[in-house]
């Protein structure tokens, strides 16, 4: 079990929203206590909590494509 949380189309202070997104993501930590991460830009924030079941050692997220842009999968 894992969790993902996102704030999209940001029109206010992204720094303040990032703090709130991390706080909310921590509330879901029980769903994936093995790894957590956050991607933040001026327009979007994505946070996740991961439960390591498969690919335990190489499951770092967010994932990036060949152009070094964050993506949902490879």
Protein backbone atom coordinates (compact mmCIF):
# COMPACT_ATOMS: atom_id res chain seq x y z
CA UNK A 1 0.00 0.00 0.00
CA UNK A 2 1.34 3.47 -0.88
CA UNK A 3 -0.04 6.98 -1.14
CA UNK A 4 0.33 9.96 -3.42
CA UNK A 5 -0.73 13.52 -2.81
CA UNK A 6 -0.65 16.41 -5.25
CA UNK A 7 -1.37 20.11 -5.53
CA UNK A 8 -1.72 21.21 -9.16
CA UNK A 9 -2.11 24.53 -10.96
CA UNK A 10 -0.67 26.55 -8.05
CA UNK A 11 -1.63 30.21 -8.09
CA UNK A 12 -0.36 31.18 -4.61
CA UNK A 13 2.93 30.86 -2.69
CA UNK A 14 4.35 27.44 -3.62
CA UNK A 15 6.70 27.47 -0.62
CA UNK A 16 3.86 27.67 1.88
CA UNK A 17 1.86 25.05 -0.01
CA UNK A 18 4.90 22.73 -0.02
CA UNK A 19 5.00 22.85 3.79
CA UNK A 20 1.29 22.00 3.95
CA UNK A 21 1.67 19.22 1.35
CA UNK A 22 4.45 17.60 3.42
CA UNK A 23 2.32 17.86 6.54
CA UNK A 24 -0.62 16.18 4.78
CA UNK A 25 1.62 13.52 3.24
CA UNK A 26 2.96 12.63 6.70
CA UNK A 27 -0.61 11.85 7.75
CA UNK A 28 -0.57 9.05 5.15
CA UNK A 29 2.86 7.67 6.17
CA UNK A 30 1.26 4.55 7.67
CA UNK A 31 0.33 3.55 4.09
CA UNK A 32 3.99 3.45 3.04
CA UNK A 33 6.55 3.90 5.80
CA UNK A 34 9.62 2.75 3.82
CA UNK A 35 10.26 5.70 1.53
CA UNK A 36 8.88 9.17 1.00
CA UNK A 37 9.59 11.93 -1.44
CA UNK A 38 8.43 15.24 -2.77
CA UNK A 39 8.64 17.06 -6.08
CA UNK A 40 7.93 20.78 -5.97
CA UNK A 41 7.87 23.52 -8.59
CA UNK A 42 6.11 26.86 -8.90
CA UNK A 43 3.13 25.13 -10.56
CA UNK A 44 2.78 21.74 -8.84
CA UNK A 45 3.69 19.73 -5.76
CA UNK A 46 3.67 15.93 -5.65
CA UNK A 47 4.37 13.97 -2.46
CA UNK A 48 4.33 10.23 -1.90
CA UNK A 49 4.77 7.57 0.76
CA UNK A 50 5.99 4.16 -0.40
CA UNK A 51 5.70 0.68 1.03
CA UNK A 52 8.66 -1.35 -0.31
CA UNK A 53 7.44 -4.71 -1.56
CA UNK A 54 9.12 -5.01 -4.97
CA UNK A 55 12.34 -3.34 -6.13
CA UNK A 56 13.15 -2.54 -2.51
CA UNK A 57 16.63 -1.11 -3.16
CA UNK A 58 15.97 0.79 -6.38
CA UNK A 59 12.50 2.19 -5.81
CA UNK A 60 13.43 5.85 -5.38
CA UNK A 61 10.75 8.25 -6.51
CA UNK A 62 9.78 10.48 -8.18
CA UNK A 63 10.73 8.77 -11.42
CA UNK A 64 12.38 10.77 -14.21
CA UNK A 65 12.28 10.18 -17.97
CA UNK A 66 15.24 10.42 -20.37
CA UNK A 67 14.83 14.21 -20.56
CA UNK A 68 15.12 14.41 -16.73
CA UNK A 69 11.46 15.44 -16.33
CA UNK A 70 9.39 13.86 -13.54
CA UNK A 71 7.02 11.19 -14.84
CA UNK A 72 4.50 8.65 -13.53
CA UNK A 73 6.35 5.58 -14.82
CA UNK A 74 9.07 4.36 -17.14
